[in-house]
Amino acid sequence: MAPHAQHNAHHFATSSEHPADYSKPHTDTAHEPLRVHVERVVRQYFALLGDEVPTDLYELILRQVEEPLLSVVLEQTRGNQTRCAQILGLNRGTLRKKLKTYDLM
């Protein structure tokens, strides 16, 4: 990731530090589609940046989404990588590569 993107990652992480508590079914946002949450966070990210122009935004967002996705599915499968790969629709080798990227194995 480019140095400027790492700086931007801090802004992005700041805007998503307090995610909605999905363990509580009565939250106003609990039933919104994922795309609505993503759109909201990306808009917040741009608002935090002000006039600063982000770089590598696509990679940044994918990393912010992919790591917790892999982590949660791996947790739900109790570490069974074959089942995790099936659920995600990934080749097991691809999954292992991604898990290594995020130090999840």
C-alpha atoms as a PDB file:
ATOM      1  CA  MET A   1       0.000   0.000   0.000  1.00  0.00           C
ATOM      2  CA  ALA A   2       1.336   3.417  -0.915  1.00  0.00           C
ATOM      3  CA  PRO A   3       2.395   5.701   1.982  1.00  0.00           C
ATOM      4  CA  HIS A   4      -0.405   8.141   1.181  1.00  0.00           C
ATOM      5  CA  ALA A   5      -2.909   5.283   1.257  1.00  0.00           C
ATOM      6  CA  GLN A   6      -1.656   4.272   4.704  1.00  0.00           C
ATOM      7  CA  HIS A   7      -2.364   7.799   5.907  1.00  0.00           C
ATOM      8  CA  ASN A   8      -5.799   7.550   4.325  1.00  0.00           C
ATOM      9  CA  ALA A   9      -6.311   4.180   6.024  1.00  0.00           C
ATOM     10  CA  HIS A  10      -6.102   5.970   9.370  1.00  0.00           C
ATOM     11  CA  HIS A  11      -8.924   8.294   8.308  1.00  0.00           C
ATOM     12  CA  PHE A  12     -10.985   5.352   7.077  1.00  0.00           C
ATOM     13  CA  ALA A  13     -10.422   3.358  10.260  1.00  0.00           C
ATOM     14  CA  THR A  14     -11.376   6.403  12.327  1.00  0.00           C
ATOM     15  CA  SER A  15     -14.666   6.744  10.485  1.00  0.00           C
ATOM     16  CA  SER A  16     -15.527   3.107  11.153  1.00  0.00           C
ATOM     17  CA  GLU A  17     -14.205   2.702  14.714  1.00  0.00           C
ATOM     18  CA  HIS A  18     -17.669   2.631  16.196  1.00  0.00           C
ATOM     19  CA  PRO A  19     -19.668   0.257  13.994  1.00  0.00           C
ATOM     20  CA  ALA A  20     -23.321  -0.423  14.663  1.00  0.00           C
ATOM     21  CA  ASP A  21     -23.885  -3.026  17.380  1.00  0.00           C
ATOM     22  CA  TYR A  22     -25.465  -5.832  15.392  1.00  0.00           C
ATOM     23  CA  SER A  23     -25.903  -7.974  18.498  1.00  0.00           C
ATOM     24  CA  LYS A  24     -28.836  -5.745  19.423  1.00  0.00           C
ATOM     25  CA  PRO A  25     -31.793  -6.428  17.125  1.00  0.00           C
ATOM     26  CA  HIS A  26     -33.490  -3.117  17.927  1.00  0.00           C
ATOM     27  CA  THR A  27     -30.887  -0.794  16.419  1.00  0.00           C
ATOM     28  CA  ASP A  28     -32.198   1.435  13.648  1.00  0.00           C
ATOM     29  CA  THR A  29     -29.552   0.300  11.182  1.00  0.00           C
ATOM     30  CA  ALA A  30     -29.560  -3.448  11.902  1.00  0.00           C
ATOM     31  CA  HIS A  31     -31.801  -4.320   8.956  1.00  0.00           C
ATOM     32  CA  GLU A  32     -30.245  -2.069   6.341  1.00  0.00           C
ATOM     33  CA  PRO A  33     -28.472  -3.762   3.433  1.00  0.00           C
ATOM     34  CA  LEU A  34     -24.682  -3.950   3.645  1.00  0.00           C
ATOM     35  CA  ARG A  35     -24.342  -1.583   0.688  1.00  0.00           C
ATOM     36  CA  VAL A  36     -26.105   1.141   2.716  1.00  0.00           C
ATOM     37  CA  HIS A  37     -23.577   0.774   5.528  1.00  0.00           C
ATOM     38  CA  VAL A  38     -20.671   0.821   3.070  1.00  0.00           C
ATOM     39  CA  GLU A  39     -22.016   3.927   1.356  1.00  0.00           C
ATOM     40  CA  ARG A  40     -22.456   5.692   4.705  1.00  0.00           C
ATOM     41  CA  VAL A  41     -18.896   4.908   5.830  1.00  0.00           C
ATOM     42  CA  VAL A  42     -17.359   5.934   2.487  1.00  0.00           C
ATOM     43  CA  ARG A  43     -19.222   9.251   2.641  1.00  0.00           C
ATOM     44  CA  GLN A  44     -17.986   9.765   6.214  1.00  0.00           C
ATOM     45  CA  TYR A  45     -14.474   8.966   5.040  1.00  0.00           C
ATOM     46  CA  PHE A  46     -14.620  11.657   2.336  1.00  0.00           C
ATOM     47  CA  ALA A  47     -16.060  14.127   4.837  1.00  0.00           C
ATOM     48  CA  LEU A  48     -13.128  13.471   7.198  1.00  0.00           C
ATOM     49  CA  LEU A  49     -10.627  13.966   4.378  1.00  0.00           C
ATOM     50  CA  GLY A  50     -11.938  17.394   3.500  1.00  0.00           C
ATOM     51  CA  ASP A  51      -9.848  18.666   0.569  1.00  0.00           C
ATOM     52  CA  GLU A  52      -7.319  15.823   0.778  1.00  0.00           C
ATOM     53  CA  VAL A  53      -7.450  13.504  -2.241  1.00  0.00           C
ATOM     54  CA  PRO A  54      -7.381   9.799  -1.364  1.00  0.00           C
ATOM     55  CA  THR A  55      -5.260   7.267  -3.229  1.00  0.00           C
ATOM     56  CA  ASP A  56      -5.638   3.495  -3.478  1.00  0.00           C
ATOM     57  CA  LEU A  57      -9.174   3.819  -2.126  1.00  0.00           C
ATOM     58  CA  TYR A  58     -10.387   0.627  -3.800  1.00  0.00           C
ATOM     59  CA  GLU A  59      -7.624  -1.454  -2.185  1.00  0.00           C
ATOM     60  CA  LEU A  60      -8.167   0.250   1.153  1.00  0.00           C
ATOM     61  CA  ILE A  61     -11.889  -0.505   1.234  1.00  0.00           C
ATOM     62  CA  LEU A  62     -11.412  -4.085   0.084  1.00  0.00           C
ATOM     63  CA  ARG A  63      -8.891  -4.681   2.872  1.00  0.00           C
ATOM     64  CA  GLN A  64     -11.218  -3.105   5.441  1.00  0.00           C
ATOM     65  CA  VAL A  65     -14.052  -5.427   4.367  1.00  0.00           C
ATOM     66  CA  GLU A  66     -12.134  -8.568   3.447  1.00  0.00           C
ATOM     67  CA  GLU A  67     -10.215  -9.074   6.687  1.00  0.00           C
ATOM     68  CA  PRO A  68     -13.238  -9.108   9.039  1.00  0.00           C
ATOM     69  CA  LEU A  69     -15.207 -11.163   6.498  1.00  0.00           C
ATOM     70  CA  LEU A  70     -12.514 -13.840   6.454  1.00  0.00           C
ATOM     71  CA  SER A  71     -12.093 -13.691  10.218  1.00  0.00           C
ATOM     72  CA  VAL A  72     -15.793 -14.093  11.011  1.00  0.00           C
ATOM     73  CA  VAL A  73     -16.401 -16.888   8.500  1.00  0.00           C
ATOM     74  CA  LEU A  74     -13.296 -18.722   9.722  1.00  0.00           C
ATOM     75  CA  GLU A  75     -14.552 -18.321  13.292  1.00  0.00           C
ATOM     76  CA  GLN A  76     -18.016 -19.595  12.333  1.00  0.00           C
ATOM     77  CA  THR A  77     -16.469 -22.677  10.725  1.00  0.00           C
ATOM     78  CA  ARG A  78     -14.280 -23.222  13.808  1.00  0.00           C
ATOM     79  CA  GLY A  79     -11.148 -22.851  11.712  1.00  0.00           C
ATOM     80  CA  ASN A  80     -12.221 -25.333   9.028  1.00  0.00           C
ATOM     81  CA  GLN A  81     -10.599 -23.766   5.974  1.00  0.00           C
ATOM     82  CA  THR A  82     -12.290 -26.117   3.509  1.00  0.00           C
ATOM     83  CA  ARG A  83     -15.746 -25.175   4.808  1.00  0.00           C
ATOM     84  CA  CYS A  84     -14.749 -21.497   5.008  1.00  0.00           C
ATOM     85  CA  ALA A  85     -13.632 -21.560   1.368  1.00  0.00           C
ATOM     86  CA  GLN A  86     -16.920 -23.213   0.353  1.00  0.00           C
ATOM     87  CA  ILE A  87     -19.001 -20.606   2.174  1.00  0.00           C
ATOM     88  CA  LEU A  88     -17.023 -17.759   0.606  1.00  0.00           C
ATOM     89  CA  GLY A  89     -16.997 -19.337  -2.851  1.00  0.00           C
ATOM     90  CA  LEU A  90     -13.202 -19.306  -2.945  1.00  0.00           C
ATOM     91  CA  ASN A  91     -10.631 -21.878  -3.934  1.00  0.00           C
ATOM     92  CA  ARG A  92      -8.988 -23.227  -0.763  1.00  0.00           C
ATOM     93  CA  GLY A  93      -5.561 -22.099  -2.001  1.00  0.00           C
ATOM     94  CA  THR A  94      -6.886 -18.581  -2.579  1.00  0.00           C
ATOM     95  CA  LEU A  95      -8.370 -18.573   0.904  1.00  0.00           C
ATOM     96  CA  ARG A  96      -5.054 -19.661   2.447  1.00  0.00           C
ATOM     97  CA  LYS A  97      -3.236 -16.884   0.589  1.00  0.00           C
ATOM     98  CA  LYS A  98      -5.709 -14.306   1.882  1.00  0.00           C
ATOM     99  CA  LEU A  99      -5.515 -15.685   5.429  1.00  0.00           C
ATOM    100  CA  LYS A 100      -1.729 -15.342   5.320  1.00  0.00           C
ATOM    101  CA  THR A 101      -2.038 -11.783   3.987  1.00  0.00           C
ATOM    102  CA  TYR A 102      -4.048 -10.796   7.065  1.00  0.00           C
ATOM    103  CA  ASP A 103      -2.107 -13.008   9.523  1.00  0.00           C
ATOM    104  CA  LEU A 104      -5.234 -15.040  10.218  1.00  0.00           C
ATOM    105  CA  MET A 105      -3.475 -18.410  10.177  1.00  0.00           C
END
